[in-house]
Structure formats: C-alpha cells, structure tokens
Amino acid sequence: MTETTRAKSAKKPADHKPAKTATIAVEFKGITFDVEAGALSSLRVLDLLERNQFTTALRRIVGDESFEHFLDNVPGASAEDAGSLLELIAEAAGVKN
C-alpha cells in the first residue's frame, strides 16, 4: 500500500494551550494563583478590562479569597502588579501571542 502525503509529512506539534476549563497555576511574588484557563475570555472580564477596571477583572479571575490574600501579603501592591499578574495569567493560559 502506498503511503499518503499526510503520513509522510512531518508531525505538527500539538496545541499546547490548556483547555478553557483546565485550572492553571500562576506564581507571582511568592503567591500561587489557581485560575481557570478560559477566565480571560469571559465577556464580563473582557468588559472590565476594556473599561480599565484591572483590579476588578483580576479579582473576578483569581477569586475574592486569593485577591485578598494577595493584598494582605504583598505590601504596597500596585496597579502595575495587577497588570503584571494579568500578563502572566494570559501567558499561562496561552492567550498572549
């Protein structure tokens, strides 16, 4: 039997993005956040980000308890920290290209 062109071609790497329902762990400033991989694609989160409500979006993504833990354990947490954490979450979820 003749081998097809598809069988002969090089294997393509699998998509390394986690499933949207998968939980991913992101560490930032010594704190580990467990977030749903698809959290950044939520319309509510996208709307908050569009309106520059980064801390509210971050609270929705990581949850109230984790957000409060972050505020309690990172003295002087800033808006820049919130942005950096959002970027890390996006990278881990495979959203950022």
PDB file of N, CA and C in Angstrom:
ATOM      1  N   MET A   1       0.840  -1.185   0.000  1.00  0.00           N
ATOM      2  CA  MET A   1       0.000   0.000   0.000  1.00  0.00           C
ATOM      3  C   MET A   1       0.882   1.243   0.000  1.00  0.00           C
ATOM      4  N   THR A   2       0.514   2.220  -0.804  1.00  0.00           N
ATOM      5  CA  THR A   2       1.281   3.449  -0.942  1.00  0.00           C
ATOM      6  C   THR A   2       0.997   4.366   0.237  1.00  0.00           C
ATOM      7  N   GLU A   3       2.068   4.960   0.794  1.00  0.00           N
ATOM      8  CA  GLU A   3       1.929   5.871   1.928  1.00  0.00           C
ATOM      9  C   GLU A   3       1.430   7.223   1.431  1.00  0.00           C
ATOM     10  N   THR A   4       0.474   7.805   2.133  1.00  0.00           N
ATOM     11  CA  THR A   4      -0.099   9.082   1.723  1.00  0.00           C
ATOM     12  C   THR A   4       0.860  10.233   2.026  1.00  0.00           C
ATOM     13  N   THR A   5       0.609  11.345   1.387  1.00  0.00           N
ATOM     14  CA  THR A   5       1.418  12.536   1.635  1.00  0.00           C
ATOM     15  C   THR A   5       1.291  12.963   3.089  1.00  0.00           C
ATOM     16  N   ARG A   6       0.104  12.860   3.639  1.00  0.00           N
ATOM     17  CA  ARG A   6      -0.124  13.237   5.033  1.00  0.00           C
ATOM     18  C   ARG A   6       0.731  12.378   5.956  1.00  0.00           C
ATOM     19  N   ALA A   7       0.788  11.099   5.702  1.00  0.00           N
ATOM     20  CA  ALA A   7       1.574  10.192   6.540  1.00  0.00           C
ATOM     21  C   ALA A   7       3.064  10.498   6.424  1.00  0.00           C
ATOM     22  N   LYS A   8       3.499  10.964   5.260  1.00  0.00           N
ATOM     23  CA  LYS A   8       4.908  11.264   5.030  1.00  0.00           C
ATOM     24  C   LYS A   8       5.334  12.602   5.623  1.00  0.00           C
ATOM     25  N   SER A   9       4.395  13.529   5.779  1.00  0.00           N
ATOM     26  CA  SER A   9       4.753  14.872   6.242  1.00  0.00           C
ATOM     27  C   SER A   9       5.172  14.853   7.706  1.00  0.00           C
ATOM     28  N   ALA A  10       5.954  15.872   8.068  1.00  0.00           N
ATOM     29  CA  ALA A  10       6.441  15.982   9.443  1.00  0.00           C
ATOM     30  C   ALA A  10       5.274  16.170  10.395  1.00  0.00           C
ATOM     31  N   LYS A  11       5.429  15.615  11.567  1.00  0.00           N
ATOM     32  CA  LYS A  11       4.394  15.749  12.596  1.00  0.00           C
ATOM     33  C   LYS A  11       4.350  17.191  13.077  1.00  0.00           C
ATOM     34  N   LYS A  12       3.166  17.722  13.205  1.00  0.00           N
ATOM     35  CA  LYS A  12       2.991  19.074  13.721  1.00  0.00           C
ATOM     36  C   LYS A  12       2.872  18.984  15.232  1.00  0.00           C
ATOM     37  N   PRO A  13       3.445  19.956  15.951  1.00  0.00           N
ATOM     38  CA  PRO A  13       3.332  19.907  17.409  1.00  0.00           C
ATOM     39  C   PRO A  13       1.879  20.075  17.841  1.00  0.00           C
ATOM     40  N   ALA A  14       1.546  19.427  18.941  1.00  0.00           N
ATOM     41  CA  ALA A  14       0.189  19.534  19.477  1.00  0.00           C
ATOM     42  C   ALA A  14      -0.026  20.949  20.008  1.00  0.00           C
ATOM     43  N   ASP A  15      -1.264  21.355  20.038  1.00  0.00           N
ATOM     44  CA  ASP A  15      -1.614  22.655  20.594  1.00  0.00           C
ATOM     45  C   ASP A  15      -1.314  22.603  22.092  1.00  0.00           C
ATOM     46  N   HIS A  16      -0.457  23.495  22.563  1.00  0.00           N
ATOM     47  CA  HIS A  16      -0.049  23.456  23.964  1.00  0.00           C
ATOM     48  C   HIS A  16      -0.901  24.349  24.853  1.00  0.00           C
ATOM     49  N   LYS A  17      -1.952  24.912  24.310  1.00  0.00           N
ATOM     50  CA  LYS A  17      -2.843  25.713  25.129  1.00  0.00           C
ATOM     51  C   LYS A  17      -3.667  24.785  26.013  1.00  0.00           C
ATOM     52  N   PRO A  18      -3.817  25.130  27.303  1.00  0.00           N
ATOM     53  CA  PRO A  18      -4.669  24.311  28.158  1.00  0.00           C
ATOM     54  C   PRO A  18      -6.134  24.476  27.756  1.00  0.00           C
ATOM     55  N   ALA A  19      -6.934  23.463  28.044  1.00  0.00           N
ATOM     56  CA  ALA A  19      -8.368  23.555  27.774  1.00  0.00           C
ATOM     57  C   ALA A  19      -8.938  24.710  28.585  1.00  0.00           C
ATOM     58  N   LYS A  20      -9.971  25.360  28.060  1.00  0.00           N
ATOM     59  CA  LYS A  20     -10.540  26.532  28.746  1.00  0.00           C
ATOM     60  C   LYS A  20     -11.026  26.217  30.153  1.00  0.00           C
ATOM     61  N   THR A  21     -11.402  24.963  30.396  1.00  0.00           N
ATOM     62  CA  THR A  21     -11.890  24.595  31.721  1.00  0.00           C
ATOM     63  C   THR A  21     -10.779  24.088  32.632  1.00  0.00           C
ATOM     64  N   ALA A  22      -9.568  23.952  32.096  1.00  0.00           N
ATOM     65  CA  ALA A  22      -8.436  23.483  32.899  1.00  0.00           C
ATOM     66  C   ALA A  22      -8.042  24.550  33.911  1.00  0.00           C
ATOM     67  N   THR A  23      -7.563  24.105  35.042  1.00  0.00           N
ATOM     68  CA  THR A  23      -7.058  25.024  36.052  1.00  0.00           C
ATOM     69  C   THR A  23      -5.556  25.141  35.871  1.00  0.00           C
ATOM     70  N   ILE A  24      -5.082  26.367  35.819  1.00  0.00           N
ATOM     71  CA  ILE A  24      -3.650  26.602  35.685  1.00  0.00           C
ATOM     72  C   ILE A  24      -3.153  27.312  36.940  1.00  0.00           C
ATOM     73  N   ALA A  25      -1.919  27.044  37.300  1.00  0.00           N
ATOM     74  CA  ALA A  25      -1.315  27.689  38.468  1.00  0.00           C
ATOM     75  C   ALA A  25      -0.328  28.744  37.977  1.00  0.00           C
ATOM     76  N   VAL A  26      -0.446  29.937  38.536  1.00  0.00           N
ATOM     77  CA  VAL A  26       0.439  31.047  38.186  1.00  0.00           C
ATOM     78  C   VAL A  26       1.032  31.576  39.484  1.00  0.00           C
ATOM     79  N   GLU A  27       2.361  31.663  39.520  1.00  0.00           N
ATOM     80  CA  GLU A  27       3.019  32.189  40.714  1.00  0.00           C
ATOM     81  C   GLU A  27       3.473  33.621  40.460  1.00  0.00           C
ATOM     82  N   PHE A  28       3.172  34.480  41.419  1.00  0.00           N
ATOM     83  CA  PHE A  28       3.551  35.884  41.319  1.00  0.00           C
ATOM     84  C   PHE A  28       3.880  36.407  42.703  1.00  0.00           C
ATOM     85  N   LYS A  29       5.089  36.907  42.865  1.00  0.00           N
ATOM     86  CA  LYS A  29       5.554  37.467  44.149  1.00  0.00           C
ATOM     87  C   LYS A  29       5.352  36.481  45.298  1.00  0.00           C
ATOM     88  N   GLY A  30       5.641  35.211  45.020  1.00  0.00           N
ATOM     89  CA  GLY A  30       5.586  34.186  46.053  1.00  0.00           C
ATOM     90  C   GLY A  30       4.203  33.638  46.350  1.00  0.00           C
ATOM     91  N   ILE A  31       3.206  34.073  45.622  1.00  0.00           N
ATOM     92  CA  ILE A  31       1.832  33.596  45.835  1.00  0.00           C
ATOM     93  C   ILE A  31       1.391  32.835  44.594  1.00  0.00           C
ATOM     94  N   THR A  32       0.797  31.661  44.811  1.00  0.00           N
ATOM     95  CA  THR A  32       0.310  30.863  43.695  1.00  0.00           C
ATOM     96  C   THR A  32      -1.190  31.091  43.531  1.00  0.00           C
ATOM     97  N   PHE A  33      -1.575  31.419  42.313  1.00  0.00           N
ATOM     98  CA  PHE A  33      -2.972  31.637  41.973  1.00  0.00           C
ATOM     99  C   PHE A  33      -3.430  30.495  41.075  1.00  0.00           C
ATOM    100  N   ASP A  34      -4.530  29.864  41.422  1.00  0.00           N
ATOM    101  CA  ASP A  34      -5.139  28.838  40.578  1.00  0.00           C
ATOM    102  C   ASP A  34      -6.298  29.486  39.842  1.00  0.00           C
ATOM    103  N   VAL A  35      -6.207  29.512  38.521  1.00  0.00           N
ATOM    104  CA  VAL A  35      -7.240  30.167  37.717  1.00  0.00           C
ATOM    105  C   VAL A  35      -7.699  29.246  36.594  1.00  0.00           C
ATOM    106  N   GLU A  36      -8.910  29.446  36.176  1.00  0.00           N
ATOM    107  CA  GLU A  36      -9.440  28.701  35.039  1.00  0.00           C
ATOM    108  C   GLU A  36      -8.814  29.277  33.767  1.00  0.00           C
ATOM    109  N   ALA A  37      -8.302  28.415  32.916  1.00  0.00           N
ATOM    110  CA  ALA A  37      -7.589  28.855  31.713  1.00  0.00           C
ATOM    111  C   ALA A  37      -8.436  29.771  30.837  1.00  0.00           C
ATOM    112  N   GLY A  38      -9.735  29.575  30.801  1.00  0.00           N
ATOM    113  CA  GLY A  38     -10.605  30.382  29.956  1.00  0.00           C
ATOM    114  C   GLY A  38     -11.119  31.651  30.610  1.00  0.00           C
ATOM    115  N   ALA A  39     -10.637  31.955  31.807  1.00  0.00           N
ATOM    116  CA  ALA A  39     -11.154  33.114  32.546  1.00  0.00           C
ATOM    117  C   ALA A  39     -10.970  34.428  31.798  1.00  0.00           C
ATOM    118  N   LEU A  40      -9.877  34.553  31.070  1.00  0.00           N
ATOM    119  CA  LEU A  40      -9.629  35.812  30.353  1.00  0.00           C
ATOM    120  C   LEU A  40     -10.516  35.988  29.133  1.00  0.00           C
ATOM    121  N   SER A  41     -11.188  34.931  28.712  1.00  0.00           N
ATOM    122  CA  SER A  41     -12.074  35.065  27.550  1.00  0.00           C
ATOM    123  C   SER A  41     -13.527  35.292  27.956  1.00  0.00           C
ATOM    124  N   SER A  42     -13.764  35.405  29.256  1.00  0.00           N
ATOM    125  CA  SER A  42     -15.096  35.704  29.752  1.00  0.00           C
ATOM    126  C   SER A  42     -15.501  37.107  29.299  1.00  0.00           C
ATOM    127  N   LEU A  43     -16.708  37.235  28.783  1.00  0.00           N
ATOM    128  CA  LEU A  43     -17.176  38.536  28.314  1.00  0.00           C
ATOM    129  C   LEU A  43     -17.177  39.557  29.450  1.00  0.00           C
ATOM    130  N   ARG A  44     -17.531  39.137  30.643  1.00  0.00           N
ATOM    131  CA  ARG A  44     -17.540  40.060  31.784  1.00  0.00           C
ATOM    132  C   ARG A  44     -16.121  40.572  32.072  1.00  0.00           C
ATOM    133  N   VAL A  45     -15.139  39.666  32.050  1.00  0.00           N
ATOM    134  CA  VAL A  45     -13.744  40.065  32.290  1.00  0.00           C
ATOM    135  C   VAL A  45     -13.255  40.968  31.165  1.00  0.00           C
ATOM    136  N   LEU A  46     -13.550  40.618  29.928  1.00  0.00           N
ATOM    137  CA  LEU A  46     -13.149  41.455  28.801  1.00  0.00           C
ATOM    138  C   LEU A  46     -13.748  42.850  28.901  1.00  0.00           C
ATOM    139  N   ASP A  47     -15.002  42.937  29.334  1.00  0.00           N
ATOM    140  CA  ASP A  47     -15.652  44.236  29.502  1.00  0.00           C
ATOM    141  C   ASP A  47     -14.949  45.056  30.584  1.00  0.00           C
ATOM    142  N   LEU A  48     -14.602  44.409  31.700  1.00  0.00           N
ATOM    143  CA  LEU A  48     -13.899  45.112  32.776  1.00  0.00           C
ATOM    144  C   LEU A  48     -12.538  45.622  32.295  1.00  0.00           C
ATOM    145  N   LEU A  49     -11.824  44.791  31.552  1.00  0.00           N
ATOM    146  CA  LEU A  49     -10.518  45.204  31.032  1.00  0.00           C
ATOM    147  C   LEU A  49     -10.658  46.348  30.033  1.00  0.00           C
ATOM    148  N   GLU A  50     -11.682  46.279  29.205  1.00  0.00           N
ATOM    149  CA  GLU A  50     -11.937  47.348  28.223  1.00  0.00           C
ATOM    150  C   GLU A  50     -12.174  48.681  28.930  1.00  0.00           C
ATOM    151  N   ARG A  51     -12.802  48.621  30.105  1.00  0.00           N
ATOM    152  CA  ARG A  51     -13.092  49.848  30.861  1.00  0.00           C
ATOM    153  C   ARG A  51     -11.984  50.188  31.856  1.00  0.00           C
ATOM    154  N   ASN A  52     -10.814  49.527  31.681  1.00  0.00           N
ATOM    155  CA  ASN A  52      -9.636  49.764  32.533  1.00  0.00           C
ATOM    156  C   ASN A  52      -9.884  49.493  34.009  1.00  0.00           C
ATOM    157  N   GLN A  53     -10.760  48.553  34.304  1.00  0.00           N
ATOM    158  CA  GLN A  53     -11.023  48.155  35.684  1.00  0.00           C
ATOM    159  C   GLN A  53     -10.217  46.883  35.979  1.00  0.00           C
ATOM    160  N   PHE A  54      -8.877  47.069  35.974  1.00  0.00           N
ATOM    161  CA  PHE A  54      -7.961  45.938  36.073  1.00  0.00           C
ATOM    162  C   PHE A  54      -8.089  45.179  37.395  1.00  0.00           C
ATOM    163  N   THR A  55      -8.222  45.910  38.501  1.00  0.00           N
ATOM    164  CA  THR A  55      -8.291  45.211  39.787  1.00  0.00           C
ATOM    165  C   THR A  55      -9.587  44.419  39.919  1.00  0.00           C
ATOM    166  N   THR A  56     -10.680  44.945  39.414  1.00  0.00           N
ATOM    167  CA  THR A  56     -11.947  44.211  39.458  1.00  0.00           C
ATOM    168  C   THR A  56     -11.873  42.983  38.553  1.00  0.00           C
ATOM    169  N   ALA A  57     -11.260  43.130  37.392  1.00  0.00           N
ATOM    170  CA  ALA A  57     -11.082  41.987  36.485  1.00  0.00           C
ATOM    171  C   ALA A  57     -10.200  40.931  37.142  1.00  0.00           C
ATOM    172  N   LEU A  58      -9.122  41.366  37.769  1.00  0.00           N
ATOM    173  CA  LEU A  58      -8.220  40.430  38.432  1.00  0.00           C
ATOM    174  C   LEU A  58      -8.929  39.703  39.572  1.00  0.00           C
ATOM    175  N   ARG A  59      -9.718  40.427  40.345  1.00  0.00           N
ATOM    176  CA  ARG A  59     -10.485  39.805  41.436  1.00  0.00           C
ATOM    177  C   ARG A  59     -11.434  38.743  40.883  1.00  0.00           C
ATOM    178  N   ARG A  60     -12.074  39.034  39.752  1.00  0.00           N
ATOM    179  CA  ARG A  60     -13.002  38.074  39.146  1.00  0.00           C
ATOM    180  C   ARG A  60     -12.246  36.833  38.661  1.00  0.00           C
ATOM    181  N   ILE A  61     -11.039  37.023  38.127  1.00  0.00           N
ATOM    182  CA  ILE A  61     -10.259  35.907  37.586  1.00  0.00           C
ATOM    183  C   ILE A  61      -9.710  35.003  38.687  1.00  0.00           C
ATOM    184  N   VAL A  62      -9.121  35.604  39.729  1.00  0.00           N
ATOM    185  CA  VAL A  62      -8.463  34.789  40.764  1.00  0.00           C
ATOM    186  C   VAL A  62      -9.383  34.460  41.936  1.00  0.00           C
ATOM    187  N   GLY A  63     -10.487  35.173  42.050  1.00  0.00           N
ATOM    188  CA  GLY A  63     -11.413  34.936  43.157  1.00  0.00           C
ATOM    189  C   GLY A  63     -11.145  35.880  44.312  1.00  0.00           C
ATOM    190  N   ASP A  64     -12.188  36.147  45.090  1.00  0.00           N
ATOM    191  CA  ASP A  64     -12.087  37.095  46.205  1.00  0.00           C
ATOM    192  C   ASP A  64     -11.031  36.687  47.229  1.00  0.00           C
ATOM    193  N   GLU A  65     -11.029  35.416  47.603  1.00  0.00           N
ATOM    194  CA  GLU A  65     -10.115  34.953  48.644  1.00  0.00           C
ATOM    195  C   GLU A  65      -8.654  35.111  48.220  1.00  0.00           C
ATOM    196  N   SER A  66      -8.325  34.699  47.008  1.00  0.00           N
ATOM    197  CA  SER A  66      -6.948  34.822  46.514  1.00  0.00           C
ATOM    198  C   SER A  66      -6.551  36.285  46.349  1.00  0.00           C
ATOM    199  N   PHE A  67      -7.487  37.101  45.896  1.00  0.00           N
ATOM    200  CA  PHE A  67      -7.199  38.517  45.712  1.00  0.00           C
ATOM    201  C   PHE A  67      -6.896  39.171  47.058  1.00  0.00           C
ATOM    202  N   GLU A  68      -7.698  38.881  48.061  1.00  0.00           N
ATOM    203  CA  GLU A  68      -7.472  39.436  49.404  1.00  0.00           C
ATOM    204  C   GLU A  68      -6.160  38.918  49.992  1.00  0.00           C
ATOM    205  N   HIS A  69      -5.856  37.637  49.764  1.00  0.00           N
ATOM    206  CA  HIS A  69      -4.591  37.061  50.224  1.00  0.00           C
ATOM    207  C   HIS A  69      -3.422  37.818  49.598  1.00  0.00           C
ATOM    208  N   PHE A  70      -3.536  38.117  48.315  1.00  0.00           N
ATOM    209  CA  PHE A  70      -2.508  38.877  47.607  1.00  0.00           C
ATOM    210  C   PHE A  70      -2.330  40.258  48.241  1.00  0.00           C
ATOM    211  N   LEU A  71      -3.425  40.970  48.473  1.00  0.00           N
ATOM    212  CA  LEU A  71      -3.346  42.309  49.065  1.00  0.00           C
ATOM    213  C   LEU A  71      -2.739  42.264  50.463  1.00  0.00           C
ATOM    214  N   ASP A  72      -3.088  41.231  51.237  1.00  0.00           N
ATOM    215  CA  ASP A  72      -2.568  41.102  52.598  1.00  0.00           C
ATOM    216  C   ASP A  72      -1.083  40.759  52.629  1.00  0.00           C
ATOM    217  N   ASN A  73      -0.604  40.036  51.634  1.00  0.00           N
ATOM    218  CA  ASN A  73       0.762  39.514  51.673  1.00  0.00           C
ATOM    219  C   ASN A  73       1.745  40.217  50.740  1.00  0.00           C
ATOM    220  N   VAL A  74       1.278  41.176  49.972  1.00  0.00           N
ATOM    221  CA  VAL A  74       2.172  41.968  49.117  1.00  0.00           C
ATOM    222  C   VAL A  74       1.977  43.434  49.502  1.00  0.00           C
ATOM    223  N   PRO A  75       2.732  43.869  50.507  1.00  0.00           N
ATOM    224  CA  PRO A  75       2.601  45.260  50.928  1.00  0.00           C
ATOM    225  C   PRO A  75       2.912  46.201  49.761  1.00  0.00           C
ATOM    226  N   GLY A  76       2.097  47.192  49.610  1.00  0.00           N
ATOM    227  CA  GLY A  76       2.322  48.160  48.551  1.00  0.00           C
ATOM    228  C   GLY A  76       1.986  47.642  47.160  1.00  0.00           C
ATOM    229  N   ALA A  77       1.125  46.615  47.073  1.00  0.00           N
ATOM    230  CA  ALA A  77       0.715  46.100  45.755  1.00  0.00           C
ATOM    231  C   ALA A  77       0.176  47.262  44.929  1.00  0.00           C
ATOM    232  N   SER A  78       0.558  47.291  43.654  1.00  0.00           N
ATOM    233  CA  SER A  78       0.208  48.429  42.805  1.00  0.00           C
ATOM    234  C   SER A  78      -0.592  47.989  41.578  1.00  0.00           C
ATOM    235  N   ALA A  79      -1.065  48.973  40.846  1.00  0.00           N
ATOM    236  CA  ALA A  79      -1.759  48.704  39.589  1.00  0.00           C
ATOM    237  C   ALA A  79      -0.800  48.024  38.609  1.00  0.00           C
ATOM    238  N   GLU A  80       0.471  48.380  38.680  1.00  0.00           N
ATOM    239  CA  GLU A  80       1.480  47.732  37.831  1.00  0.00           C
ATOM    240  C   GLU A  80       1.578  46.236  38.169  1.00  0.00           C
ATOM    241  N   ASP A  81       1.495  45.905  39.463  1.00  0.00           N
ATOM    242  CA  ASP A  81       1.498  44.494  39.878  1.00  0.00           C
ATOM    243  C   ASP A  81       0.292  43.771  39.298  1.00  0.00           C
ATOM    244  N   ALA A  82      -0.864  44.423  39.342  1.00  0.00           N
ATOM    245  CA  ALA A  82      -2.084  43.816  38.786  1.00  0.00           C
ATOM    246  C   ALA A  82      -1.901  43.544  37.300  1.00  0.00           C
ATOM    247  N   GLY A  83      -1.334  44.507  36.578  1.00  0.00           N
ATOM    248  CA  GLY A  83      -1.087  44.321  35.151  1.00  0.00           C
ATOM    249  C   GLY A  83      -0.104  43.199  34.877  1.00  0.00           C
ATOM    250  N   SER A  84       0.950  43.119  35.671  1.00  0.00           N
ATOM    251  CA  SER A  84       1.949  42.054  35.504  1.00  0.00           C
ATOM    252  C   SER A  84       1.337  40.685  35.768  1.00  0.00           C
ATOM    253  N   LEU A  85       0.502  40.597  36.792  1.00  0.00           N
ATOM    254  CA  LEU A  85      -0.152  39.336  37.096  1.00  0.00           C
ATOM    255  C   LEU A  85      -1.113  38.941  35.977  1.00  0.00           C
ATOM    256  N   LEU A  86      -1.852  39.895  35.459  1.00  0.00           N
ATOM    257  CA  LEU A  86      -2.753  39.606  34.334  1.00  0.00           C
ATOM    258  C   LEU A  86      -1.971  39.105  33.123  1.00  0.00           C
ATOM    259  N   GLU A  87      -0.798  39.686  32.867  1.00  0.00           N
ATOM    260  CA  GLU A  87       0.038  39.228  31.754  1.00  0.00           C
ATOM    261  C   GLU A  87       0.508  37.793  31.970  1.00  0.00           C
ATOM    262  N   LEU A  88       0.926  37.475  33.196  1.00  0.00           N
ATOM    263  CA  LEU A  88       1.366  36.109  33.496  1.00  0.00           C
ATOM    264  C   LEU A  88       0.236  35.106  33.301  1.00  0.00           C
ATOM    265  N   ILE A  89      -0.952  35.483  33.732  1.00  0.00           N
ATOM    266  CA  ILE A  89      -2.110  34.607  33.568  1.00  0.00           C
ATOM    267  C   ILE A  89      -2.398  34.402  32.084  1.00  0.00           C
ATOM    268  N   ALA A  90      -2.333  35.482  31.310  1.00  0.00           N
ATOM    269  CA  ALA A  90      -2.574  35.373  29.860  1.00  0.00           C
ATOM    270  C   ALA A  90      -1.554  34.452  29.190  1.00  0.00           C
ATOM    271  N   GLU A  91      -0.290  34.584  29.576  1.00  0.00           N
ATOM    272  CA  GLU A  91       0.756  33.719  29.002  1.00  0.00           C
ATOM    273  C   GLU A  91       0.510  32.258  29.368  1.00  0.00           C
ATOM    274  N   ALA A  92       0.199  32.002  30.638  1.00  0.00           N
ATOM    275  CA  ALA A  92      -0.010  30.626  31.103  1.00  0.00           C
ATOM    276  C   ALA A  92      -1.239  30.006  30.443  1.00  0.00           C
ATOM    277  N   ALA A  93      -2.238  30.837  30.154  1.00  0.00           N
ATOM    278  CA  ALA A  93      -3.462  30.330  29.515  1.00  0.00           C
ATOM    279  C   ALA A  93      -3.312  30.211  28.008  1.00  0.00           C
ATOM    280  N   GLY A  94      -2.209  30.709  27.470  1.00  0.00           N
ATOM    281  CA  GLY A  94      -1.993  30.640  26.028  1.00  0.00           C
ATOM    282  C   GLY A  94      -2.748  31.689  25.250  1.00  0.00           C
ATOM    283  N   VAL A  95      -3.161  32.752  25.942  1.00  0.00           N
ATOM    284  CA  VAL A  95      -3.928  33.818  25.294  1.00  0.00           C
ATOM    285  C   VAL A  95      -2.997  34.812  24.630  1.00  0.00           C
ATOM    286  N   LYS A  96      -1.872  35.078  25.252  1.00  0.00           N
ATOM    287  CA  LYS A  96      -0.934  36.086  24.751  1.00  0.00           C
ATOM    288  C   LYS A  96      -0.048  35.466  23.691  1.00  0.00           C
ATOM    289  N   ASN A  97       0.068  36.126  22.552  1.00  0.00           N
ATOM    290  CA  ASN A  97       0.928  35.628  21.468  1.00  0.00           C
ATOM    291  C   ASN A  97       2.137  36.493  21.311  1.00  0.00           C
TER     292      ASN A  97
END
